[in-house]
Amino acid sequence: MPSYLDTLHRSLYQHLPGLIPPPSSAHTAPWLATLAILIPTVLLLTPLVSPAPPKRTKTIKPASERVLIIGASSGCGEDLAKRYASLGASVCIVARSKNNLEQVAATCRTLLPAGSSGSNKVLLYAGDICNPDDMIAVRELILKEWQGLDTLHIISGLSSTQTLLEVSNVSQTPINSASSAVPASHGAKRHHHFEAMASVKTEGGNNEESHLPGKEGLHALAEEMRRLADVNMTGVAISIATFLPLLSSTSSSPLIHHLSSVAGLVPAPTRALYAATKAGGLACFRSAAVENGGGRSGVRFLATCPGTIDNDFRRKSSSSARGIAPAEGFDKALLSVDDGKSTADLPMCFALAV
């Protein structure tokens, strides 16, 4: 079996036949042993001694930055828009609610520094991150008004705060070992009691209580999963594909930021659908960074994964829209919008430079 040195020698001879002597089984040349140590050492140390890229603020002044925020009608997107406007940046805000966008845009215009000129400093477009036609329209608007883009923030997201079974119209409650709960069949140990959250109709048209998810419940689960996947996964992919070439070709220091969630990294109860789709969106973002990062496109990729933030996002979950309140004690571990700190002692935010 060939050794590491034999393999290295053959590879060097194949690529540099005029400089490297042919492989020989007589003995290993001293220079080859030196290379065998030197090459891995150089590869390992190069990232440590390579100069860090310049700070973006040295390349792009805040007042000349062109920023697109998708999901800016409320919450973190709204806060980002206001912050950029206060620095004098050109800001384009996108969301589905035109009324909310107009209110945010009006506030941003009042925050622009004195002397900021141009009617196109604050742009808005009422569109859906899942709709390619809307994203193309946003891109055309930016090209027309700014001739390019420096920063993209993907903030849009949709939450769900129910377990898989709850979405399927089945509730589960722990079984008290001291109670006389009905044992499971075939001697299986059961730790939860399952029951229908609403009566379901049998094929004969009669109402029947069941502990098994029925057709209506499972269809509700499938629909809920599709709704979350559209925003949290498909929307991320469409946004990156729509704007990455524009960023790469028109900015001196392009950046894409994706606001993901700690749920995309750490599974949690009542977050099965949300965690799955946020993990998928984050994986898409990180893979796109591998495909296009560094010298391939010049675009920097940054993902942040916070815990639950105390803003409107948690009140706009698909569960809340159906009148389902969050679990008791839910607001005891929220990130503050003002200072970014959590009232809990646990680390609640991760940043991934990918």
Protein backbone atom coordinates (compact mmCIF):
# COMPACT_ATOMS: atom_id res chain seq x y z
CA MET A 1 0.00 0.00 0.00
CA PRO A 2 1.56 3.33 -1.02
CA SER A 3 2.59 5.65 1.79
CA TYR A 4 1.72 9.33 2.13
CA LEU A 5 5.19 10.25 0.81
CA ASP A 6 4.80 7.97 -2.23
CA THR A 7 1.42 9.53 -3.03
CA LEU A 8 2.79 13.05 -2.60
CA HIS A 9 5.78 12.25 -4.85
CA ARG A 10 3.61 10.84 -7.64
CA SER A 11 1.27 13.84 -7.45
CA LEU A 12 4.15 16.32 -7.66
CA TYR A 13 5.75 14.44 -10.56
CA GLN A 14 2.42 14.34 -12.41
CA HIS A 15 1.97 18.12 -12.21
CA LEU A 16 5.64 19.17 -12.38
CA PRO A 17 7.44 16.50 -14.46
CA GLY A 18 10.21 18.85 -15.51
CA LEU A 19 11.17 19.81 -11.97
CA ILE A 20 10.41 16.70 -9.94
CA PRO A 21 12.37 13.45 -10.54
CA PRO A 22 10.31 10.30 -11.24
CA PRO A 23 9.20 8.23 -8.23
CA SER A 24 11.71 5.59 -7.18
CA SER A 25 11.48 2.84 -4.63
CA ALA A 26 15.18 3.10 -3.76
CA HIS A 27 14.84 5.66 -0.96
CA THR A 28 12.88 8.76 -0.11
CA ALA A 29 14.64 11.96 -1.04
CA PRO A 30 15.21 14.35 1.89
CA TRP A 31 13.48 17.18 0.04
CA LEU A 32 10.30 15.09 -0.22
CA ALA A 33 10.15 14.50 3.52
CA THR A 34 10.59 18.24 4.06
CA LEU A 35 7.75 19.01 1.66
CA ALA A 36 5.54 16.47 3.39
CA ILE A 37 5.82 18.52 6.59
CA LEU A 38 5.94 21.96 4.99
CA ILE A 39 2.83 21.76 2.77
CA PRO A 40 0.31 20.86 5.51
CA THR A 41 1.91 23.46 7.80
CA VAL A 42 1.50 26.21 5.21
CA LEU A 43 -2.11 25.20 4.55
CA LEU A 44 -2.94 25.29 8.25
CA LEU A 45 -1.20 28.59 9.02
CA THR A 46 -2.28 30.55 5.92
CA PRO A 47 -5.73 31.49 7.33
CA LEU A 48 -4.04 32.71 10.52
CA VAL A 49 -1.58 35.03 8.81
CA SER A 50 -3.76 36.15 5.89
CA PRO A 51 -4.84 39.76 6.23
CA ALA A 52 -8.43 40.22 7.34
CA PRO A 53 -10.72 41.89 4.81
CA PRO A 54 -11.12 45.63 5.39
CA LYS A 55 -14.02 46.83 7.49
CA ARG A 56 -17.03 47.63 5.37
CA THR A 57 -17.30 51.10 6.90
CA LYS A 58 -13.92 51.93 5.35
CA THR A 59 -15.06 50.74 1.93
CA ILE A 60 -18.66 51.95 2.01
CA LYS A 61 -19.57 55.03 4.00
CA PRO A 62 -22.85 54.71 5.92
CA ALA A 63 -24.43 57.62 4.03
CA SER A 64 -23.70 56.00 0.66
CA GLU A 65 -24.78 52.45 1.54
CA ARG A 66 -27.69 51.01 -0.45
CA VAL A 67 -29.70 48.63 1.72
CA LEU A 68 -32.58 46.26 0.96
CA ILE A 69 -34.58 44.85 3.90
CA ILE A 70 -37.09 42.10 3.11
CA GLY A 71 -39.55 41.82 5.96
CA ALA A 72 -39.43 45.42 7.20
CA SER A 73 -43.04 46.21 8.08
CA SER A 74 -42.52 45.43 11.78
CA GLY A 75 -40.17 43.85 14.30
CA CYS A 76 -36.44 43.56 13.59
CA GLY A 77 -36.83 44.62 9.96
CA GLU A 78 -38.52 47.86 10.99
CA ASP A 79 -35.83 48.53 13.60
CA LEU A 80 -33.08 47.95 11.03
CA ALA A 81 -34.72 50.30 8.55
CA LYS A 82 -34.92 53.07 11.13
CA ARG A 83 -31.31 52.55 12.16
CA TYR A 84 -30.04 52.71 8.58
CA ALA A 85 -32.13 55.80 7.87
CA SER A 86 -30.69 57.57 10.90
CA LEU A 87 -27.21 56.95 9.44
CA GLY A 88 -28.25 58.45 6.11
CA ALA A 89 -28.22 55.22 4.11
CA SER A 90 -30.51 54.59 1.16
CA VAL A 91 -33.11 52.08 2.33
CA CYS A 92 -35.59 49.93 0.42
CA ILE A 93 -38.16 48.17 2.58
CA VAL A 94 -40.25 45.22 1.41
CA ALA A 95 -43.15 43.35 3.02
CA ARG A 96 -46.67 42.24 2.16
CA SER A 97 -48.48 44.93 4.17
CA LYS A 98 -48.43 48.19 2.19
CA ASN A 99 -50.06 50.20 4.99
CA ASN A 100 -47.42 49.15 7.51
CA LEU A 101 -44.63 49.80 5.00
CA GLU A 102 -45.87 53.33 4.37
CA GLN A 103 -45.83 54.05 8.09
CA VAL A 104 -42.29 52.70 8.46
CA ALA A 105 -41.14 54.64 5.38
CA ALA A 106 -42.63 57.87 6.74
CA THR A 107 -40.77 57.38 10.02
CA CYS A 108 -37.52 56.61 8.20
CA ARG A 109 -37.75 59.84 6.21
CA THR A 110 -38.02 61.83 9.43
CA LEU A 111 -34.88 60.11 10.75
CA LEU A 112 -32.67 60.99 7.77
CA PRO A 113 -29.82 63.30 8.80
CA ALA A 114 -30.06 66.95 7.91
CA GLY A 115 -28.77 67.56 4.42
CA SER A 116 -29.74 64.13 3.08
CA SER A 117 -31.10 64.78 -0.37
CA GLY A 118 -32.96 62.75 -2.92
CA SER A 119 -36.51 61.50 -3.12
CA ASN A 120 -35.21 57.96 -3.55
CA LYS A 121 -33.42 57.65 -0.17
CA VAL A 122 -36.35 55.59 1.16
CA LEU A 123 -38.07 53.17 -1.22
CA LEU A 124 -40.86 50.70 -0.50
CA TYR A 125 -42.45 47.81 -2.32
CA ALA A 126 -45.42 45.75 -1.14
CA GLY A 127 -44.50 42.23 -2.19
CA ASP A 128 -44.14 38.63 -1.09
CA ILE A 129 -40.72 37.06 -0.50
CA CYS A 130 -42.10 33.77 -1.87
CA ASN A 131 -43.15 35.35 -5.18
CA PRO A 132 -40.35 35.52 -7.80
CA ASP A 133 -42.26 38.19 -9.77
CA ASP A 134 -42.31 40.46 -6.71
CA MET A 135 -38.60 39.96 -6.04
CA ILE A 136 -37.76 40.75 -9.67
CA ALA A 137 -39.87 43.92 -9.42
CA VAL A 138 -37.92 44.96 -6.32
CA ARG A 139 -34.64 44.35 -8.14
CA GLU A 140 -35.76 46.45 -11.10
CA LEU A 141 -36.83 49.25 -8.76
CA ILE A 142 -33.41 49.25 -7.09
CA LEU A 143 -31.59 49.23 -10.41
CA LYS A 144 -33.68 52.13 -11.64
CA GLU A 145 -33.29 54.27 -8.53
CA TRP A 146 -29.84 53.31 -7.18
CA GLN A 147 -28.11 51.45 -10.05
CA GLY A 148 -26.93 48.82 -7.58
CA LEU A 149 -27.09 47.29 -4.10
CA ASP A 150 -24.63 46.90 -1.21
CA THR A 151 -26.50 45.11 1.56
CA LEU A 152 -29.36 42.61 1.65
CA HIS A 153 -31.17 41.70 4.88
CA ILE A 154 -33.48 38.66 4.71
CA ILE A 155 -35.67 39.16 7.78
CA SER A 156 -39.00 37.63 6.76
CA GLY A 157 -40.12 34.62 8.75
CA LEU A 158 -43.23 32.78 9.90
CA SER A 159 -43.57 31.04 13.26
CA SER A 160 -45.66 28.23 14.69
CA THR A 161 -45.95 27.46 18.40
CA GLN A 162 -47.76 24.12 18.50
CA THR A 163 -46.58 20.53 18.64
CA LEU A 164 -47.00 18.28 15.62
CA LEU A 165 -49.96 16.56 17.22
CA GLU A 166 -51.64 19.79 18.28
CA VAL A 167 -51.51 21.05 14.71
CA SER A 168 -53.06 17.71 13.77
CA ASN A 169 -55.93 18.36 16.25
CA VAL A 170 -54.74 15.83 18.83
CA SER A 171 -53.73 16.83 22.36
CA GLN A 172 -51.38 14.92 24.62
CA THR A 173 -51.20 15.11 28.41
CA PRO A 174 -48.74 13.31 30.72
CA ILE A 175 -50.14 10.26 32.50
CA ASN A 176 -49.95 10.35 36.28
CA SER A 177 -48.40 7.05 37.36
CA ALA A 178 -50.69 6.97 40.38
CA SER A 179 -53.80 7.42 38.28
CA SER A 180 -55.90 4.64 36.85
CA ALA A 181 -55.20 5.55 33.24
CA VAL A 182 -56.20 3.06 30.62
CA PRO A 183 -53.11 0.98 29.74
CA ALA A 184 -51.90 0.78 26.16
CA SER A 185 -52.57 -2.37 24.20
CA HIS A 186 -50.03 -5.19 23.88
CA GLY A 187 -48.44 -4.23 27.20
CA ALA A 188 -46.70 -1.10 25.80
CA LYS A 189 -45.74 1.57 28.31
CA ARG A 190 -47.49 4.84 27.57
CA HIS A 191 -46.39 8.11 29.13
CA HIS A 192 -48.96 10.42 27.52
CA HIS A 193 -52.68 10.32 27.03
CA PHE A 194 -53.87 11.32 23.56
CA GLU A 195 -57.29 12.66 22.70
CA ALA A 196 -58.92 14.56 19.88
CA MET A 197 -59.11 18.33 20.35
CA ALA A 198 -62.37 18.29 18.40
CA SER A 199 -64.77 15.60 17.32
CA VAL A 200 -64.21 14.21 13.85
CA LYS A 201 -66.73 12.79 11.46
CA THR A 202 -66.56 9.16 10.47
CA GLU A 203 -67.30 7.88 6.98
CA GLY A 204 -70.92 7.37 8.07
CA GLY A 205 -71.20 11.05 8.99
CA ASN A 206 -71.27 10.51 12.76
CA ASN A 207 -69.19 12.54 15.20
CA GLU A 208 -66.57 10.47 16.96
CA GLU A 209 -63.87 11.21 19.52
CA SER A 210 -60.53 9.60 18.67
CA HIS A 211 -56.97 9.68 19.93
CA LEU A 212 -55.64 9.21 16.37
CA PRO A 213 -55.09 12.14 13.99
CA GLY A 214 -57.78 12.16 11.34
CA LYS A 215 -57.81 13.30 7.74
CA GLU A 216 -58.80 16.86 8.62
CA GLY A 217 -56.06 17.17 11.23
CA LEU A 218 -53.32 15.77 9.01
CA HIS A 219 -54.38 18.02 6.13
CA ALA A 220 -54.13 20.95 8.55
CA LEU A 221 -50.60 19.81 9.45
CA ALA A 222 -49.59 19.56 5.80
CA GLU A 223 -50.97 23.02 5.03
CA GLU A 224 -49.23 24.53 8.04
CA MET A 225 -45.91 22.99 7.02
CA ARG A 226 -46.26 24.31 3.48
CA ARG A 227 -47.02 27.83 4.72
CA LEU A 228 -43.94 27.92 6.96
CA ALA A 229 -41.69 26.31 4.35
CA ASP A 230 -42.72 28.89 1.74
CA VAL A 231 -41.51 31.80 3.87
CA ASN A 232 -38.71 30.26 5.92
CA MET A 233 -37.11 28.16 3.18
CA THR A 234 -38.34 29.04 -0.32
CA GLY A 235 -38.23 32.77 0.38
CA VAL A 236 -34.60 32.56 1.49
CA ALA A 237 -33.59 30.71 -1.68
CA ILE A 238 -35.45 33.11 -3.97
CA SER A 239 -33.97 36.18 -2.24
CA ILE A 240 -30.40 34.94 -2.51
CA ALA A 241 -30.74 33.92 -6.16
CA THR A 242 -32.48 37.18 -7.12
CA PHE A 243 -30.05 39.62 -5.55
CA LEU A 244 -26.64 37.92 -5.21
CA PRO A 245 -25.47 38.64 -8.78
CA LEU A 246 -26.62 42.25 -8.40
CA LEU A 247 -24.70 42.63 -5.14
CA SER A 248 -21.60 41.02 -6.61
CA SER A 249 -21.57 43.18 -9.73
CA THR A 250 -22.49 46.59 -8.28
CA SER A 251 -21.00 46.82 -4.77
CA SER A 252 -17.43 47.28 -3.57
CA SER A 253 -18.21 45.33 -0.39
CA PRO A 254 -21.45 43.31 -0.81
CA LEU A 255 -23.11 41.58 2.13
CA ILE A 256 -26.10 39.27 2.62
CA HIS A 257 -27.49 38.89 6.13
CA HIS A 258 -30.11 36.29 7.05
CA LEU A 259 -32.00 36.61 10.32
CA SER A 260 -32.59 32.97 11.18
CA SER A 261 -33.36 31.57 14.64
CA VAL A 262 -31.78 29.51 17.37
CA ALA A 263 -34.61 27.09 16.54
CA GLY A 264 -32.72 26.31 13.34
CA LEU A 265 -29.84 25.02 15.46
CA VAL A 266 -31.50 23.61 18.58
CA PRO A 267 -34.77 21.62 18.45
CA ALA A 268 -37.36 22.66 21.01
CA PRO A 269 -40.85 21.56 22.07
CA THR A 270 -43.80 23.25 20.33
CA ARG A 271 -41.42 24.34 17.56
CA ALA A 272 -41.27 21.24 15.32
CA LEU A 273 -42.55 22.95 12.16
CA TYR A 274 -40.78 26.23 12.83
CA ALA A 275 -37.46 24.57 13.74
CA ALA A 276 -37.57 22.30 10.69
CA THR A 277 -38.19 25.13 8.22
CA LYS A 278 -35.74 27.54 9.87
CA ALA A 279 -33.07 24.81 9.83
CA GLY A 280 -33.80 24.27 6.14
CA GLY A 281 -33.56 27.97 5.35
CA LEU A 282 -30.33 28.29 7.33
CA ALA A 283 -28.83 25.25 5.57
CA CYS A 284 -29.76 26.79 2.21
CA PHE A 285 -28.11 30.07 3.22
CA ARG A 286 -24.93 28.38 4.43
CA SER A 287 -24.66 26.19 1.34
CA ALA A 288 -25.08 29.28 -0.85
CA ALA A 289 -22.22 30.83 1.11
CA VAL A 290 -20.03 27.82 0.28
CA GLU A 291 -21.03 28.03 -3.38
CA ASN A 292 -20.60 31.79 -3.74
CA GLY A 293 -18.58 33.10 -0.80
CA GLY A 294 -15.04 34.42 -0.76
CA GLY A 295 -13.41 35.00 -4.11
CA ARG A 296 -16.22 33.37 -6.09
CA SER A 297 -18.54 36.36 -5.84
CA GLY A 298 -16.93 38.68 -3.31
CA VAL A 299 -20.15 38.60 -1.26
CA ARG A 300 -19.97 38.19 2.50
CA PHE A 301 -22.57 35.99 4.19
CA LEU A 302 -23.72 36.49 7.77
CA ALA A 303 -26.48 34.59 9.59
CA THR A 304 -27.73 35.48 13.06
CA CYS A 305 -29.72 32.99 15.13
CA PRO A 306 -31.43 34.76 18.06
CA GLY A 307 -33.87 33.38 20.57
CA THR A 308 -37.41 34.76 20.71
CA ILE A 309 -37.41 38.54 20.51
CA ASP A 310 -39.95 40.69 22.31
CA ASN A 311 -41.64 42.21 19.28
CA ASP A 312 -44.64 41.66 17.00
CA PHE A 313 -43.19 38.56 15.33
CA ARG A 314 -44.21 36.22 18.15
CA ARG A 315 -47.75 37.62 18.02
CA LYS A 316 -48.04 36.97 14.30
CA SER A 317 -47.37 33.24 14.35
CA SER A 318 -49.74 31.01 12.44
CA SER A 319 -50.83 29.60 15.81
CA SER A 320 -51.70 33.06 17.16
CA ALA A 321 -53.65 33.80 13.99
CA ARG A 322 -55.93 30.91 14.92
CA GLY A 323 -56.44 32.29 18.45
CA ILE A 324 -54.01 29.93 20.20
CA ALA A 325 -52.16 31.66 23.03
CA PRO A 326 -48.45 30.96 23.72
CA ALA A 327 -47.58 28.64 26.59
CA GLU A 328 -47.58 29.99 30.15
CA GLY A 329 -44.33 31.69 31.13
CA PHE A 330 -43.44 32.24 27.46
CA ASP A 331 -42.39 35.89 27.97
CA LYS A 332 -39.86 35.21 30.71
CA ALA A 333 -37.00 34.48 28.30
CA LEU A 334 -37.34 37.07 25.56
CA LEU A 335 -34.62 39.12 23.91
CA SER A 336 -35.08 42.85 24.36
CA VAL A 337 -35.35 44.89 21.19
CA ASP A 338 -33.55 47.82 22.80
CA ASP A 339 -30.35 46.30 24.12
CA GLY A 340 -30.28 42.83 22.57
CA LYS A 341 -29.95 41.20 25.99
CA SER A 342 -32.08 38.41 27.29
CA THR A 343 -33.78 38.37 30.65
CA ALA A 344 -32.64 34.75 30.91
CA ASP A 345 -29.13 33.74 31.90
CA LEU A 346 -28.70 31.41 28.91
CA PRO A 347 -26.99 32.51 25.69
CA MET A 348 -29.83 33.36 23.33
CA CYS A 349 -28.14 34.45 20.11
CA PHE A 350 -25.62 32.95 17.70
CA ALA A 351 -23.91 34.70 14.80
CA LEU A 352 -22.51 32.61 11.96
CA ALA A 353 -20.08 34.19 9.50
CA VAL A 354 -20.51 31.70 6.68
